[in-house]
Structures are given as structure tokens and as C-alpha cells.
């Protein structure tokens, strides 16, 4: 009988960067939930896209954009996705700063 580790991602043919990406998504959602529990609301602000967004809206926009960035990155440069991860972090920073 073969035993597998909880950290063995080969069952889904995932790479460690892919696993880290999804762990980061789940962690950010949990952190946002904790922040909302501690300090509810998060006053909406008028951003660059012309939308009134709250913290949760900005998190959703940054996660959705990050998914599309990673898909595009894998389509263009499928060998190394660390660059896509860097672009996703910059995207999320820009969304929370200016939107």
C-alpha cells in the first residue's frame, strides 16, 4: 500500500506555484472575513473604474483578475509561472490602492 503525504500535489498534477496560488486565494478570503468580523463595513470609495467599491469588492476584482492573468501567463509562458504570480501581486496591490 502506497502512502501519500498531504503535501503531495501530484494527484492533481499541480505544481508548487499553483498550490501556493490557491493557498493564497483561500488565505486572503479568510483574512478578509476576519477583517470584516473585526471591523465591519469598510466604507465604499470611488475608484479608477468609476465604481464605488468596498474591501470585499476589491478583493473579488483582484482574485478574478489574478485568475485571468495566470491563465494568460500559462498560455504564453507555460514553463515558469513565477512571473505570473508577481504580476498578480502587483495587480492586487494596484486594485487595493487605486480602485
Protein backbone atom coordinates (compact mmCIF):
# COMPACT_ATOMS: atom_id res chain seq x y z
CA UNK A 1 0.00 0.00 0.00
CA UNK A 2 1.39 3.33 -1.04
CA UNK A 3 1.09 6.20 1.40
CA UNK A 4 0.96 9.77 0.26
CA UNK A 5 1.70 12.94 2.10
CA UNK A 6 -0.81 15.75 2.50
CA UNK A 7 1.74 17.94 0.71
CA UNK A 8 1.96 15.66 -2.33
CA UNK A 9 0.22 17.59 -5.09
CA UNK A 10 0.85 15.03 -7.83
CA UNK A 11 -2.69 13.62 -7.56
CA UNK A 12 -3.92 16.68 -9.45
CA UNK A 13 -0.75 17.23 -11.46
CA UNK A 14 -0.28 20.53 -9.66
CA UNK A 15 2.98 22.31 -9.29
CA UNK A 16 4.01 24.03 -6.09
CA UNK A 17 3.45 27.52 -7.55
CA UNK A 18 -0.11 26.51 -8.48
CA UNK A 19 -0.72 25.18 -4.99
CA UNK A 20 0.71 28.35 -3.44
CA UNK A 21 -1.55 30.44 -5.67
CA UNK A 22 -4.70 28.69 -4.44
CA UNK A 23 -3.49 28.71 -0.85
CA UNK A 24 -3.00 32.47 -1.21
CA UNK A 25 -6.56 32.86 -2.53
CA UNK A 26 -8.08 30.90 0.37
CA UNK A 27 -5.89 32.74 2.87
CA UNK A 28 -6.87 36.14 1.51
CA UNK A 29 -10.58 35.26 1.69
CA UNK A 30 -10.16 34.08 5.28
CA UNK A 31 -8.20 37.21 6.20
CA UNK A 32 -10.87 39.42 4.63
CA UNK A 33 -13.54 37.56 6.59
CA UNK A 34 -11.62 38.09 9.83
CA UNK A 35 -11.12 41.77 9.00
CA UNK A 36 -14.83 42.19 8.27
CA UNK A 37 -15.69 40.47 11.54
CA UNK A 38 -13.32 42.73 13.48
CA UNK A 39 -14.18 45.94 11.65
CA UNK A 40 -17.45 45.59 9.69
CA UNK A 41 -18.32 47.72 6.74
CA UNK A 42 -15.30 49.16 5.08
CA UNK A 43 -16.61 52.43 3.69
CA UNK A 44 -17.08 52.34 -0.09
CA UNK A 45 -14.79 54.58 -2.11
CA UNK A 46 -14.98 55.83 -5.67
CA UNK A 47 -12.17 54.26 -7.66
CA UNK A 48 -10.43 54.45 -11.01
CA UNK A 49 -13.02 52.28 -12.78
CA UNK A 50 -15.80 54.67 -11.79
CA UNK A 51 -17.24 52.17 -9.34
CA UNK A 52 -17.98 52.52 -5.65
CA UNK A 53 -16.19 49.52 -4.15
CA UNK A 54 -15.76 48.09 -0.66
CA UNK A 55 -12.87 45.95 0.59
CA UNK A 56 -14.70 42.77 -0.41
CA UNK A 57 -15.37 44.11 -3.91
CA UNK A 58 -11.70 44.97 -4.36
CA UNK A 59 -10.69 41.51 -3.15
CA UNK A 60 -13.10 39.89 -5.63
CA UNK A 61 -11.82 42.05 -8.51
CA UNK A 62 -8.20 41.27 -7.64
CA UNK A 63 -8.82 37.50 -7.36
CA UNK A 64 -10.83 37.37 -10.58
CA UNK A 65 -8.18 39.39 -12.41
CA UNK A 66 -5.44 37.19 -10.96
CA UNK A 67 -7.16 34.09 -12.33
CA UNK A 68 -7.24 35.58 -15.82
CA UNK A 69 -3.64 36.78 -15.51
CA UNK A 70 -2.50 33.29 -14.53
CA UNK A 71 -4.45 31.67 -17.37
CA UNK A 72 -2.89 34.08 -19.86
CA UNK A 73 0.56 33.52 -18.36
CA UNK A 74 0.24 29.74 -18.64
CA UNK A 75 -0.91 30.16 -22.25
CA UNK A 76 2.09 32.31 -23.19
CA UNK A 77 4.88 31.09 -20.92
CA UNK A 78 3.79 27.74 -19.58
CA UNK A 79 7.20 26.67 -18.19
CA UNK A 80 7.62 29.15 -15.35
CA UNK A 81 4.62 30.75 -13.68
CA UNK A 82 6.50 32.71 -11.03
CA UNK A 83 6.39 35.77 -13.28
CA UNK A 84 2.61 35.48 -13.45
CA UNK A 85 2.48 35.31 -9.68
CA UNK A 86 4.48 38.54 -9.47
CA UNK A 87 2.09 40.20 -11.95
CA UNK A 88 -0.88 39.01 -9.85
CA UNK A 89 0.58 40.52 -6.68
CA UNK A 90 1.17 43.82 -8.50
CA UNK A 91 -2.39 43.68 -9.87
CA UNK A 92 -3.85 43.12 -6.40
CA UNK A 93 -1.75 45.94 -4.95
CA UNK A 94 -2.96 48.31 -7.71
CA UNK A 95 -6.61 47.30 -7.18
CA UNK A 96 -6.48 47.92 -3.41
CA UNK A 97 -4.54 51.16 -3.85
CA UNK A 98 -6.41 52.88 -6.68
CA UNK A 99 -9.80 51.22 -7.21
